Amino acid sequence: MTFATWFSFFCAACLIAISPGSGAILSMSHGLAYGVKRASVTILGLQLGLLLVLVIAGAGVGSLLLASETAFGIVKILGALYLIYLGVTQFFSKPPVASDIRDQAADRLHVPSFYRRVLTGFLTNASNPKGIVFMVAVLPNFINSQAALLPQLVILAVTMVIVDTTVMHSYALLASSLQNLMRDAKAQVLQNRLFGAVLVLVGASLFFVKREATVTV
């Protein structure tokens, strides 16, 4: 892989990561609710899901998935329903009941476990058909068919993960900086309503993703 090819992919990866999506919304939501350190666990899950999408696309499984209307429909529906579930759950979640919401011991009781945060991040990216469609369309443009596939996929995957991790942490940090303004119960309810509604809208938008858009790429 030449430096020019890698740099082109790096620029594309930056644009992909910066574009607001379910991963960015989840990072901001957890950054605001739990802080950057705890949101890092969610972002870890996002990267594991991203790696799975990259492997699916790079191995050619994504092309087969797009060629099957039934398989793609199943992935699309599951991804949409999962994001809608996350949104509805957050929309109706209640702020923690504690005499002092800044008390860290009380706060920890309301933070999802390490495993649950990783799983939430993983499923958010892994079940997103937009990611699969986009990667199947993008990756072939940066892969040299005359060279070994695995080293190229490793380089692209490492680049994508580093870029996406940096951007997601930036989103989480930005949201976390607003924590002091969102400490009272009314502000937390508003936060849950806002992020919950956005997640539901993003999930609903997945129902309109079409596989035909990239079959000819």
N, C-alpha and C. Protein backbone atom coordinates (compact mmCIF):
# COMPACT_ATOMS: atom_id res chain seq x y z
N MET A 1 0.84 -1.20 0.00
CA MET A 1 0.00 0.00 0.00
C MET A 1 0.87 1.25 0.00
N THR A 2 0.63 2.14 -0.94
CA THR A 2 1.43 3.36 -1.03
C THR A 2 0.96 4.36 0.02
N PHE A 3 1.83 5.33 0.30
CA PHE A 3 1.48 6.37 1.27
C PHE A 3 0.29 7.19 0.77
N ALA A 4 0.24 7.44 -0.53
CA ALA A 4 -0.86 8.22 -1.10
C ALA A 4 -2.20 7.52 -0.89
N THR A 5 -2.21 6.19 -1.08
CA THR A 5 -3.43 5.42 -0.86
C THR A 5 -3.85 5.48 0.59
N TRP A 6 -2.86 5.28 1.48
CA TRP A 6 -3.16 5.31 2.91
C TRP A 6 -3.68 6.68 3.33
N PHE A 7 -3.05 7.74 2.85
CA PHE A 7 -3.46 9.08 3.25
C PHE A 7 -4.87 9.38 2.75
N SER A 8 -5.19 8.90 1.57
CA SER A 8 -6.55 9.09 1.05
C SER A 8 -7.56 8.40 1.94
N PHE A 9 -7.22 7.18 2.38
CA PHE A 9 -8.12 6.47 3.28
C PHE A 9 -8.20 7.18 4.63
N PHE A 10 -7.08 7.71 5.11
CA PHE A 10 -7.07 8.46 6.37
C PHE A 10 -8.03 9.63 6.30
N CYS A 11 -8.01 10.36 5.21
CA CYS A 11 -8.92 11.50 5.03
C CYS A 11 -10.37 11.03 5.00
N ALA A 12 -10.60 9.92 4.29
CA ALA A 12 -11.96 9.37 4.23
C ALA A 12 -12.42 8.91 5.61
N ALA A 13 -11.50 8.28 6.37
CA ALA A 13 -11.83 7.81 7.71
C ALA A 13 -12.20 8.97 8.62
N CYS A 14 -11.49 10.09 8.48
CA CYS A 14 -11.80 11.28 9.29
C CYS A 14 -13.20 11.78 8.98
N LEU A 15 -13.54 11.84 7.71
CA LEU A 15 -14.86 12.32 7.31
C LEU A 15 -15.96 11.37 7.80
N ILE A 16 -15.68 10.07 7.71
CA ILE A 16 -16.65 9.07 8.17
C ILE A 16 -16.89 9.21 9.66
N ALA A 17 -15.80 9.34 10.43
CA ALA A 17 -15.90 9.40 11.88
C ALA A 17 -16.58 10.68 12.36
N ILE A 18 -16.26 11.80 11.70
CA ILE A 18 -16.81 13.09 12.12
C ILE A 18 -18.29 13.19 11.82
N SER A 19 -18.72 12.54 10.74
CA SER A 19 -20.14 12.59 10.37
C SER A 19 -21.01 12.07 11.52
N PRO A 20 -21.96 12.87 11.99
CA PRO A 20 -22.81 12.44 13.12
C PRO A 20 -23.58 11.17 12.78
N GLY A 21 -23.55 10.22 13.68
CA GLY A 21 -24.27 8.97 13.49
C GLY A 21 -24.60 8.37 14.84
N SER A 22 -25.03 7.13 14.84
CA SER A 22 -25.43 6.48 16.09
C SER A 22 -24.25 6.37 17.07
N GLY A 23 -23.03 6.12 16.55
CA GLY A 23 -21.87 6.02 17.42
C GLY A 23 -21.55 7.34 18.10
N ALA A 24 -21.63 8.44 17.34
CA ALA A 24 -21.37 9.76 17.90
C ALA A 24 -22.42 10.12 18.95
N ILE A 25 -23.67 9.81 18.65
CA ILE A 25 -24.75 10.11 19.58
C ILE A 25 -24.58 9.31 20.88
N LEU A 26 -24.23 8.03 20.74
CA LEU A 26 -24.02 7.19 21.92
C LEU A 26 -22.83 7.70 22.74
N SER A 27 -21.75 8.09 22.07
CA SER A 27 -20.56 8.61 22.78
C SER A 27 -20.90 9.88 23.54
N MET A 28 -21.65 10.77 22.93
CA MET A 28 -22.05 12.00 23.59
C MET A 28 -23.00 11.73 24.76
N SER A 29 -23.92 10.81 24.55
CA SER A 29 -24.87 10.46 25.59
C SER A 29 -24.17 9.91 26.82
N HIS A 30 -23.25 8.96 26.61
CA HIS A 30 -22.54 8.36 27.73
C HIS A 30 -21.50 9.31 28.32
N GLY A 31 -20.92 10.16 27.47
CA GLY A 31 -19.98 11.15 27.98
C GLY A 31 -20.66 12.14 28.91
N LEU A 32 -21.86 12.54 28.54
CA LEU A 32 -22.62 13.48 29.36
C LEU A 32 -23.13 12.81 30.63
N ALA A 33 -23.57 11.57 30.51
CA ALA A 33 -24.16 10.88 31.65
C ALA A 33 -23.13 10.34 32.63
N TYR A 34 -22.01 9.79 32.11
CA TYR A 34 -21.07 9.07 32.95
C TYR A 34 -19.66 9.67 32.99
N GLY A 35 -19.35 10.61 32.10
CA GLY A 35 -18.01 11.16 32.04
C GLY A 35 -17.18 10.45 30.97
N VAL A 36 -16.07 11.08 30.59
CA VAL A 36 -15.24 10.55 29.50
C VAL A 36 -14.64 9.19 29.85
N LYS A 37 -14.16 9.04 31.08
CA LYS A 37 -13.49 7.79 31.46
C LYS A 37 -14.42 6.60 31.30
N ARG A 38 -15.63 6.73 31.77
CA ARG A 38 -16.57 5.62 31.66
C ARG A 38 -17.10 5.47 30.24
N ALA A 39 -17.21 6.58 29.53
CA ALA A 39 -17.64 6.52 28.13
C ALA A 39 -16.60 5.82 27.27
N SER A 40 -15.35 5.81 27.72
CA SER A 40 -14.29 5.12 26.97
C SER A 40 -14.59 3.64 26.81
N VAL A 41 -15.27 3.07 27.79
CA VAL A 41 -15.64 1.65 27.72
C VAL A 41 -16.67 1.45 26.60
N THR A 42 -17.62 2.37 26.51
CA THR A 42 -18.61 2.31 25.43
C THR A 42 -17.92 2.45 24.08
N ILE A 43 -16.95 3.37 24.01
CA ILE A 43 -16.22 3.60 22.76
C ILE A 43 -15.41 2.37 22.38
N LEU A 44 -14.89 1.65 23.38
CA LEU A 44 -14.21 0.38 23.11
C LEU A 44 -15.15 -0.58 22.39
N GLY A 45 -16.39 -0.66 22.88
CA GLY A 45 -17.38 -1.52 22.23
C GLY A 45 -17.68 -1.06 20.82
N LEU A 46 -17.74 0.26 20.62
CA LEU A 46 -17.96 0.79 19.27
C LEU A 46 -16.86 0.35 18.31
N GLN A 47 -15.62 0.36 18.80
CA GLN A 47 -14.50 -0.03 17.94
C GLN A 47 -14.51 -1.52 17.63
N LEU A 48 -14.93 -2.34 18.58
CA LEU A 48 -15.04 -3.78 18.32
C LEU A 48 -16.10 -4.04 17.25
N GLY A 49 -17.21 -3.29 17.34
CA GLY A 49 -18.24 -3.41 16.31
C GLY A 49 -17.75 -2.92 14.96
N LEU A 50 -16.97 -1.83 14.97
CA LEU A 50 -16.41 -1.29 13.73
C LEU A 50 -15.46 -2.29 13.09
N LEU A 51 -14.64 -2.95 13.91
CA LEU A 51 -13.71 -3.95 13.39
C LEU A 51 -14.47 -5.11 12.74
N LEU A 52 -15.58 -5.51 13.35
CA LEU A 52 -16.38 -6.59 12.77
C LEU A 52 -16.91 -6.17 11.40
N VAL A 53 -17.39 -4.93 11.29
CA VAL A 53 -17.90 -4.42 10.01
C VAL A 53 -16.79 -4.38 8.97
N LEU A 54 -15.60 -3.95 9.38
CA LEU A 54 -14.46 -3.91 8.47
C LEU A 54 -14.08 -5.30 7.98
N VAL A 55 -14.10 -6.27 8.88
CA VAL A 55 -13.77 -7.65 8.51
C VAL A 55 -14.82 -8.19 7.55
N ILE A 56 -16.09 -7.93 7.85
CA ILE A 56 -17.18 -8.38 6.98
C ILE A 56 -17.04 -7.80 5.58
N ALA A 57 -16.76 -6.49 5.53
CA ALA A 57 -16.63 -5.83 4.24
C ALA A 57 -15.38 -6.30 3.50
N GLY A 58 -14.25 -6.38 4.22
CA GLY A 58 -12.99 -6.75 3.60
C GLY A 58 -12.95 -8.20 3.14
N ALA A 59 -13.65 -9.07 3.83
CA ALA A 59 -13.64 -10.49 3.48
C ALA A 59 -14.59 -10.81 2.35
N GLY A 60 -15.36 -9.82 1.93
CA GLY A 60 -16.30 -10.07 0.84
C GLY A 60 -17.66 -10.55 1.30
N VAL A 61 -17.79 -10.80 2.61
CA VAL A 61 -19.08 -11.25 3.13
C VAL A 61 -20.12 -10.15 2.97
N GLY A 62 -19.66 -8.89 3.09
CA GLY A 62 -20.57 -7.76 2.93
C GLY A 62 -21.21 -7.74 1.56
N SER A 63 -20.43 -8.06 0.53
CA SER A 63 -20.97 -8.09 -0.83
C SER A 63 -22.06 -9.15 -0.96
N LEU A 64 -21.82 -10.31 -0.34
CA LEU A 64 -22.82 -11.37 -0.37
C LEU A 64 -24.06 -10.95 0.40
N LEU A 65 -23.85 -10.23 1.51
CA LEU A 65 -24.97 -9.75 2.31
C LEU A 65 -25.82 -8.77 1.51
N LEU A 66 -25.16 -7.87 0.79
CA LEU A 66 -25.90 -6.91 -0.02
C LEU A 66 -26.61 -7.57 -1.19
N ALA A 67 -26.06 -8.71 -1.65
CA ALA A 67 -26.68 -9.41 -2.78
C ALA A 67 -27.93 -10.16 -2.37
N SER A 68 -28.08 -10.42 -1.07
CA SER A 68 -29.24 -11.15 -0.57
C SER A 68 -30.21 -10.17 0.07
N GLU A 69 -31.34 -10.00 -0.54
CA GLU A 69 -32.35 -9.08 -0.02
C GLU A 69 -32.84 -9.50 1.35
N THR A 70 -33.02 -10.80 1.55
CA THR A 70 -33.51 -11.30 2.83
C THR A 70 -32.49 -11.06 3.94
N ALA A 71 -31.22 -11.43 3.68
CA ALA A 71 -30.18 -11.27 4.70
C ALA A 71 -29.99 -9.80 5.06
N PHE A 72 -29.94 -8.95 4.04
CA PHE A 72 -29.76 -7.53 4.30
C PHE A 72 -30.96 -6.96 5.05
N GLY A 73 -32.15 -7.42 4.70
CA GLY A 73 -33.35 -6.95 5.39
C GLY A 73 -33.34 -7.31 6.85
N ILE A 74 -32.87 -8.51 7.17
CA ILE A 74 -32.80 -8.95 8.56
C ILE A 74 -31.84 -8.08 9.36
N VAL A 75 -30.65 -7.85 8.79
CA VAL A 75 -29.65 -7.00 9.46
C VAL A 75 -30.21 -5.59 9.66
N LYS A 76 -30.85 -5.07 8.63
CA LYS A 76 -31.40 -3.71 8.69
C LYS A 76 -32.45 -3.58 9.78
N ILE A 77 -33.36 -4.55 9.83
CA ILE A 77 -34.44 -4.49 10.82
C ILE A 77 -33.89 -4.65 12.24
N LEU A 78 -32.97 -5.60 12.43
CA LEU A 78 -32.39 -5.79 13.76
C LEU A 78 -31.62 -4.55 14.22
N GLY A 79 -30.86 -3.96 13.31
CA GLY A 79 -30.12 -2.75 13.66
C GLY A 79 -31.04 -1.60 14.02
N ALA A 80 -32.09 -1.43 13.23
CA ALA A 80 -33.04 -0.35 13.48
C ALA A 80 -33.76 -0.55 14.81
N LEU A 81 -34.22 -1.77 15.04
CA LEU A 81 -34.95 -2.06 16.28
C LEU A 81 -34.05 -1.89 17.51
N TYR A 82 -32.77 -2.25 17.38
CA TYR A 82 -31.87 -2.11 18.52
C TYR A 82 -31.67 -0.64 18.89
N LEU A 83 -31.45 0.21 17.89
CA LEU A 83 -31.28 1.64 18.16
C LEU A 83 -32.57 2.25 18.71
N ILE A 84 -33.70 1.83 18.19
CA ILE A 84 -34.97 2.32 18.71
C ILE A 84 -35.16 1.89 20.16
N TYR A 85 -34.76 0.65 20.45
CA TYR A 85 -34.84 0.15 21.84
C TYR A 85 -33.97 0.99 22.77
N LEU A 86 -32.73 1.27 22.33
CA LEU A 86 -31.84 2.11 23.15
C LEU A 86 -32.47 3.49 23.36
N GLY A 87 -33.03 4.05 22.29
CA GLY A 87 -33.62 5.37 22.39
C GLY A 87 -34.81 5.41 23.33
N VAL A 88 -35.70 4.45 23.19
CA VAL A 88 -36.89 4.40 24.05
C VAL A 88 -36.48 4.19 25.50
N THR A 89 -35.51 3.30 25.73
CA THR A 89 -35.04 3.05 27.10
C THR A 89 -34.48 4.32 27.72
N GLN A 90 -33.66 5.05 26.96
CA GLN A 90 -33.09 6.28 27.50
C GLN A 90 -34.15 7.36 27.65
N PHE A 91 -35.08 7.44 26.72
CA PHE A 91 -36.12 8.47 26.75
C PHE A 91 -36.93 8.39 28.04
N PHE A 92 -37.23 7.17 28.48
CA PHE A 92 -38.07 6.99 29.66
C PHE A 92 -37.27 6.73 30.94
N SER A 93 -35.94 6.73 30.84
CA SER A 93 -35.14 6.51 32.05
C SER A 93 -35.26 7.70 32.98
N LYS A 94 -35.22 7.42 34.28
CA LYS A 94 -35.37 8.47 35.28
C LYS A 94 -34.01 8.86 35.85
N PRO A 95 -33.85 10.10 36.25
CA PRO A 95 -32.58 10.53 36.87
C PRO A 95 -32.38 9.81 38.18
N PRO A 96 -31.14 9.59 38.61
CA PRO A 96 -30.88 8.90 39.87
C PRO A 96 -31.46 9.65 41.06
N VAL A 97 -32.03 8.89 41.99
CA VAL A 97 -32.57 9.49 43.20
C VAL A 97 -31.50 9.45 44.27
N ALA A 98 -30.98 10.62 44.63
CA ALA A 98 -29.93 10.71 45.64
C ALA A 98 -29.96 12.11 46.23
N SER A 99 -29.67 12.20 47.52
CA SER A 99 -29.69 13.50 48.18
C SER A 99 -28.64 14.42 47.60
N ASP A 100 -27.54 13.86 47.19
CA ASP A 100 -26.48 14.65 46.55
C ASP A 100 -26.04 13.94 45.30
N ILE A 101 -26.48 14.42 44.14
CA ILE A 101 -26.21 13.71 42.89
C ILE A 101 -24.74 13.72 42.53
N ARG A 102 -23.97 14.57 43.18
CA ARG A 102 -22.54 14.61 42.90
C ARG A 102 -21.77 13.57 43.71
N ASP A 103 -22.47 12.90 44.59
CA ASP A 103 -21.81 11.88 45.39
C ASP A 103 -21.41 10.71 44.51
N GLN A 104 -20.14 10.41 44.44
CA GLN A 104 -19.64 9.39 43.50
C GLN A 104 -20.14 8.00 43.86
N ALA A 105 -20.28 7.69 45.12
CA ALA A 105 -20.74 6.36 45.51
C ALA A 105 -22.15 6.12 45.00
N ALA A 106 -23.00 7.14 45.14
CA ALA A 106 -24.38 7.01 44.66
C ALA A 106 -24.41 6.97 43.14
N ASP A 107 -23.55 7.76 42.52
CA ASP A 107 -23.52 7.83 41.06
C ASP A 107 -23.15 6.50 40.43
N ARG A 108 -22.22 5.77 41.05
CA ARG A 108 -21.77 4.50 40.49
C ARG A 108 -22.89 3.48 40.42
N LEU A 109 -23.87 3.61 41.32
CA LEU A 109 -24.97 2.66 41.32
C LEU A 109 -25.79 2.73 40.04
N HIS A 110 -25.72 3.87 39.35
CA HIS A 110 -26.56 4.08 38.19
C HIS A 110 -25.78 3.97 36.88
N VAL A 111 -24.52 3.59 36.96
CA VAL A 111 -23.70 3.43 35.76
C VAL A 111 -23.77 1.97 35.31
N PRO A 112 -24.13 1.71 34.05
CA PRO A 112 -24.16 0.32 33.57
C PRO A 112 -22.81 -0.34 33.75
N SER A 113 -22.81 -1.66 33.86
CA SER A 113 -21.57 -2.39 34.07
C SER A 113 -20.63 -2.25 32.88
N PHE A 114 -19.36 -2.58 33.11
CA PHE A 114 -18.35 -2.56 32.05
C PHE A 114 -18.81 -3.39 30.87
N TYR A 115 -19.27 -4.59 31.13
CA TYR A 115 -19.71 -5.50 30.06
C TYR A 115 -20.88 -4.91 29.29
N ARG A 116 -21.84 -4.31 30.01
CA ARG A 116 -23.03 -3.77 29.34
C ARG A 116 -22.68 -2.58 28.46
N ARG A 117 -21.76 -1.74 28.91
CA ARG A 117 -21.35 -0.60 28.10
C ARG A 117 -20.61 -1.06 26.84
N VAL A 118 -19.73 -2.05 26.99
CA VAL A 118 -19.02 -2.59 25.82
C VAL A 118 -20.02 -3.20 24.84
N LEU A 119 -20.96 -3.97 25.36
CA LEU A 119 -21.94 -4.64 24.50
C LEU A 119 -22.82 -3.63 23.78
N THR A 120 -23.22 -2.57 24.49
CA THR A 120 -24.04 -1.53 23.88
C THR A 120 -23.30 -0.88 22.70
N GLY A 121 -22.03 -0.54 22.94
CA GLY A 121 -21.23 0.05 21.86
C GLY A 121 -21.04 -0.91 20.70
N PHE A 122 -20.73 -2.17 21.02
CA PHE A 122 -20.49 -3.17 19.98
C PHE A 122 -21.72 -3.37 19.11
N LEU A 123 -22.88 -3.57 19.74
CA LEU A 123 -24.10 -3.83 18.97
C LEU A 123 -24.52 -2.60 18.16
N THR A 124 -24.23 -1.41 18.68
CA THR A 124 -24.60 -0.18 17.96
C THR A 124 -23.91 -0.11 16.61
N ASN A 125 -22.62 -0.45 16.56
CA ASN A 125 -21.90 -0.42 15.28
C ASN A 125 -22.08 -1.70 14.48
N ALA A 126 -22.06 -2.84 15.16
CA ALA A 126 -22.12 -4.11 14.45
C ALA A 126 -23.46 -4.35 13.77
N SER A 127 -24.53 -3.77 14.31
CA SER A 127 -25.86 -3.99 13.74
C SER A 127 -26.31 -2.84 12.85
N ASN A 128 -25.38 -1.96 12.51
CA ASN A 128 -25.72 -0.80 11.68
C ASN A 128 -25.52 -1.12 10.20
N PRO A 129 -26.58 -1.30 9.44
CA PRO A 129 -26.43 -1.66 8.02
C PRO A 129 -25.78 -0.54 7.21
N LYS A 130 -25.91 0.71 7.66
CA LYS A 130 -25.26 1.81 6.96
C LYS A 130 -23.75 1.61 6.94
N GLY A 131 -23.21 1.12 8.07
CA GLY A 131 -21.77 0.88 8.15
C GLY A 131 -21.33 -0.19 7.17
N ILE A 132 -22.11 -1.26 7.08
CA ILE A 132 -21.77 -2.35 6.17
C ILE A 132 -21.85 -1.88 4.72
N VAL A 133 -22.94 -1.16 4.40
CA VAL A 133 -23.10 -0.64 3.04
C VAL A 133 -21.95 0.27 2.67
N PHE A 134 -21.61 1.17 3.59
CA PHE A 134 -20.57 2.15 3.29
C PHE A 134 -19.21 1.50 3.14
N MET A 135 -18.87 0.58 4.04
CA MET A 135 -17.57 -0.07 3.98
C MET A 135 -17.41 -0.93 2.73
N VAL A 136 -18.49 -1.61 2.34
CA VAL A 136 -18.42 -2.43 1.13
C VAL A 136 -18.17 -1.53 -0.08
N ALA A 137 -18.71 -0.31 -0.03
CA ALA A 137 -18.52 0.62 -1.14
C ALA A 137 -17.14 1.27 -1.11
N VAL A 138 -16.62 1.53 0.09
CA VAL A 138 -15.38 2.30 0.23
C VAL A 138 -14.11 1.45 0.18
N LEU A 139 -14.07 0.36 0.93
CA LEU A 139 -12.83 -0.42 1.07
C LEU A 139 -12.20 -0.85 -0.26
N PRO A 140 -12.98 -1.35 -1.23
CA PRO A 140 -12.35 -1.80 -2.48
C PRO A 140 -11.53 -0.72 -3.17
N ASN A 141 -11.86 0.54 -2.94
CA ASN A 141 -11.13 1.63 -3.58
C ASN A 141 -9.72 1.81 -3.03
N PHE A 142 -9.45 1.21 -1.88
CA PHE A 142 -8.14 1.38 -1.24
C PHE A 142 -7.36 0.07 -1.14
N ILE A 143 -7.88 -0.98 -1.74
CA ILE A 143 -7.23 -2.28 -1.68
C ILE A 143 -6.66 -2.65 -3.05
N ASN A 144 -5.39 -3.02 -3.05
CA ASN A 144 -4.71 -3.46 -4.27
C ASN A 144 -4.93 -4.95 -4.45
N SER A 145 -5.67 -5.31 -5.48
CA SER A 145 -6.00 -6.72 -5.69
C SER A 145 -4.78 -7.57 -6.04
N GLN A 146 -3.67 -6.91 -6.42
CA GLN A 146 -2.47 -7.65 -6.77
C GLN A 146 -1.57 -7.93 -5.57
N ALA A 147 -1.90 -7.34 -4.42
CA ALA A 147 -1.10 -7.53 -3.21
C ALA A 147 -1.87 -8.36 -2.20
N ALA A 148 -1.16 -8.82 -1.17
CA ALA A 148 -1.79 -9.64 -0.12
C ALA A 148 -2.90 -8.83 0.57
N LEU A 149 -4.04 -9.46 0.77
CA LEU A 149 -5.21 -8.77 1.33
C LEU A 149 -5.06 -8.48 2.82
N LEU A 150 -4.59 -9.46 3.60
CA LEU A 150 -4.58 -9.32 5.06
C LEU A 150 -3.77 -8.11 5.55
N PRO A 151 -2.52 -7.91 5.08
CA PRO A 151 -1.77 -6.74 5.56
C PRO A 151 -2.48 -5.42 5.24
N GLN A 152 -3.12 -5.35 4.09
CA GLN A 152 -3.83 -4.13 3.73
C GLN A 152 -5.03 -3.90 4.65
N LEU A 153 -5.76 -4.97 4.94
CA LEU A 153 -6.90 -4.85 5.84
C LEU A 153 -6.47 -4.44 7.24
N VAL A 154 -5.33 -4.96 7.69
CA VAL A 154 -4.82 -4.60 9.03
C VAL A 154 -4.49 -3.11 9.08
N ILE A 155 -3.81 -2.62 8.06
CA ILE A 155 -3.44 -1.20 8.01
C ILE A 155 -4.69 -0.31 8.00
N LEU A 156 -5.66 -0.67 7.16
CA LEU A 156 -6.88 0.11 7.07
C LEU A 156 -7.69 0.06 8.37
N ALA A 157 -7.73 -1.14 8.98
CA ALA A 157 -8.49 -1.30 10.22
C ALA A 157 -7.87 -0.50 11.36
N VAL A 158 -6.54 -0.58 11.50
CA VAL A 158 -5.85 0.17 12.56
C VAL A 158 -6.06 1.66 12.37
N THR A 159 -5.94 2.12 11.13
CA THR A 159 -6.15 3.54 10.83
C THR A 159 -7.56 3.97 11.19
N MET A 160 -8.55 3.19 10.77
CA MET A 160 -9.94 3.54 11.02
C MET A 160 -10.24 3.56 12.51
N VAL A 161 -9.75 2.58 13.24
CA VAL A 161 -10.03 2.49 14.67
C VAL A 161 -9.38 3.65 15.43
N ILE A 162 -8.14 3.99 15.09
CA ILE A 162 -7.47 5.10 15.77
C ILE A 162 -8.21 6.41 15.51
N VAL A 163 -8.58 6.64 14.26
CA VAL A 163 -9.30 7.87 13.91
C VAL A 163 -10.65 7.91 14.62
N ASP A 164 -11.40 6.81 14.55
CA ASP A 164 -12.74 6.78 15.13
C ASP A 164 -12.69 6.91 16.65
N THR A 165 -11.72 6.26 17.27
CA THR A 165 -11.56 6.35 18.72
C THR A 165 -11.29 7.79 19.15
N THR A 166 -10.43 8.46 18.41
CA THR A 166 -10.10 9.85 18.72
C THR A 166 -11.32 10.75 18.59
N VAL A 167 -12.06 10.58 17.50
CA VAL A 167 -13.24 11.42 17.26
C VAL A 167 -14.34 11.14 18.28
N MET A 168 -14.57 9.85 18.60
CA MET A 168 -15.61 9.51 19.56
C MET A 168 -15.28 10.06 20.95
N HIS A 169 -14.00 10.02 21.31
CA HIS A 169 -13.60 10.60 22.59
C HIS A 169 -13.78 12.12 22.59
N SER A 170 -13.58 12.72 21.44
CA SER A 170 -13.79 14.16 21.33
C SER A 170 -15.27 14.50 21.54
N TYR A 171 -16.15 13.69 20.95
CA TYR A 171 -17.57 13.88 21.17
C TYR A 171 -17.92 13.69 22.64
N ALA A 172 -17.37 12.63 23.26
CA ALA A 172 -17.66 12.35 24.67
C ALA A 172 -17.13 13.47 25.56
N LEU A 173 -15.94 13.99 25.23
CA LEU A 173 -15.34 15.08 26.02
C LEU A 173 -16.18 16.34 25.90
N LEU A 174 -16.65 16.62 24.69
CA LEU A 174 -17.48 17.79 24.48
C LEU A 174 -18.76 17.71 25.31
N ALA A 175 -19.39 16.53 25.30
CA ALA A 175 -20.61 16.35 26.08
C ALA A 175 -20.32 16.38 27.57
N SER A 176 -19.20 15.76 27.98
CA SER A 176 -18.85 15.71 29.40
C SER A 176 -18.62 17.10 29.98
N SER A 177 -18.17 18.02 29.14
CA SER A 177 -17.91 19.38 29.63
C SER A 177 -19.20 20.08 30.06
N LEU A 178 -20.35 19.50 29.66
CA LEU A 178 -21.64 20.08 30.02
C LEU A 178 -22.23 19.44 31.27
N GLN A 179 -21.49 18.50 31.88
CA GLN A 179 -22.03 17.76 33.02
C GLN A 179 -22.50 18.66 34.15
N ASN A 180 -21.71 19.68 34.46
CA ASN A 180 -22.07 20.56 35.57
C ASN A 180 -23.39 21.30 35.32
N LEU A 181 -23.72 21.48 34.04
CA LEU A 181 -24.96 22.16 33.70
C LEU A 181 -26.15 21.21 33.69
N MET A 182 -25.87 19.91 33.79
CA MET A 182 -26.93 18.92 33.65
C MET A 182 -27.08 18.08 34.92
N ARG A 183 -26.71 18.65 36.08
CA ARG A 183 -26.72 17.88 37.31
C ARG A 183 -28.09 17.76 37.96
N ASP A 184 -28.95 18.78 37.79
CA ASP A 184 -30.24 18.70 38.45
C ASP A 184 -31.16 17.75 37.70
N ALA A 185 -32.18 17.30 38.39
CA ALA A 185 -33.06 16.26 37.86
C ALA A 185 -33.76 16.68 36.58
N LYS A 186 -34.23 17.93 36.50
CA LYS A 186 -34.93 18.38 35.30
C LYS A 186 -34.02 18.37 34.09
N ALA A 187 -32.76 18.78 34.30
CA ALA A 187 -31.81 18.80 33.19
C ALA A 187 -31.51 17.39 32.71
N GLN A 188 -31.44 16.44 33.64
CA GLN A 188 -31.16 15.05 33.27
C GLN A 188 -32.33 14.44 32.51
N VAL A 189 -33.53 14.79 32.92
CA VAL A 189 -34.71 14.32 32.19
C VAL A 189 -34.68 14.86 30.76
N LEU A 190 -34.34 16.14 30.62
CA LEU A 190 -34.25 16.75 29.30
C LEU A 190 -33.18 16.06 28.46
N GLN A 191 -32.05 15.77 29.09
CA GLN A 191 -30.96 15.07 28.40
C GLN A 191 -31.43 13.71 27.90
N ASN A 192 -32.11 12.95 28.75
CA ASN A 192 -32.59 11.62 28.37
C ASN A 192 -33.61 11.70 27.24
N ARG A 193 -34.48 12.70 27.31
CA ARG A 193 -35.48 12.87 26.26
C ARG A 193 -34.81 13.20 24.93
N LEU A 194 -33.82 14.10 24.97
CA LEU A 194 -33.16 14.54 23.75
C LEU A 194 -32.40 13.41 23.07
N PHE A 195 -31.49 12.76 23.82
CA PHE A 195 -30.68 11.70 23.23
C PHE A 195 -31.54 10.49 22.89
N GLY A 196 -32.55 10.21 23.70
CA GLY A 196 -33.44 9.10 23.41
C GLY A 196 -34.19 9.31 22.10
N ALA A 197 -34.70 10.53 21.92
CA ALA A 197 -35.44 10.84 20.70
C ALA A 197 -34.54 10.77 19.47
N VAL A 198 -33.31 11.27 19.60
CA VAL A 198 -32.39 11.23 18.46
C VAL A 198 -32.04 9.80 18.09
N LEU A 199 -31.80 8.95 19.08
CA LEU A 199 -31.49 7.54 18.81
C LEU A 199 -32.67 6.85 18.11
N VAL A 200 -33.88 7.17 18.54
CA VAL A 200 -35.06 6.59 17.90
C VAL A 200 -35.14 7.04 16.44
N LEU A 201 -34.88 8.32 16.19
CA LEU A 201 -34.92 8.84 14.82
C LEU A 201 -33.84 8.19 13.94
N VAL A 202 -32.63 8.03 14.51
CA VAL A 202 -31.56 7.38 13.75
C VAL A 202 -31.93 5.93 13.46
N GLY A 203 -32.49 5.25 14.45
CA GLY A 203 -32.92 3.87 14.25
C GLY A 203 -34.00 3.77 13.19
N ALA A 204 -34.97 4.68 13.25
CA ALA A 204 -36.05 4.66 12.26
C ALA A 204 -35.52 4.92 10.85
N SER A 205 -34.48 5.75 10.75
CA SER A 205 -33.93 6.07 9.43
C SER A 205 -33.30 4.86 8.77
N LEU A 206 -32.88 3.88 9.57
CA LEU A 206 -32.25 2.67 9.01
C LEU A 206 -33.23 1.85 8.19
N PHE A 207 -34.52 1.99 8.47
CA PHE A 207 -35.51 1.25 7.69
C PHE A 207 -35.51 1.69 6.22
N PHE A 208 -34.94 2.86 5.95
CA PHE A 208 -34.95 3.40 4.59
C PHE A 208 -33.63 3.15 3.85
N VAL A 209 -32.69 2.47 4.51
CA VAL A 209 -31.43 2.15 3.86
C VAL A 209 -31.68 1.09 2.80
N LYS A 210 -31.15 1.30 1.59
CA LYS A 210 -31.37 0.37 0.49
C LYS A 210 -30.07 -0.30 0.09
N ARG A 211 -30.12 -1.58 -0.14
CA ARG A 211 -28.92 -2.32 -0.53
C ARG A 211 -28.54 -2.03 -1.97
N GLU A 212 -29.50 -1.66 -2.83
CA GLU A 212 -29.20 -1.42 -4.23
C GLU A 212 -28.22 -0.29 -4.44
N ALA A 213 -28.08 0.58 -3.44
CA ALA A 213 -27.26 1.79 -3.60
C ALA A 213 -25.82 1.48 -3.88
N THR A 214 -25.32 0.31 -3.40
CA THR A 214 -23.91 0.03 -3.56
C THR A 214 -23.62 -1.26 -4.31
N VAL A 215 -24.64 -1.93 -4.81
CA VAL A 215 -24.40 -3.19 -5.50
C VAL A 215 -23.54 -3.02 -6.73
N THR A 216 -23.66 -1.87 -7.39
CA THR A 216 -22.92 -1.66 -8.62
C THR A 216 -21.52 -1.10 -8.40
N VAL A 217 -21.14 -0.83 -7.16
CA VAL A 217 -19.85 -0.24 -6.89
C VAL A 217 -18.75 -1.28 -7.09
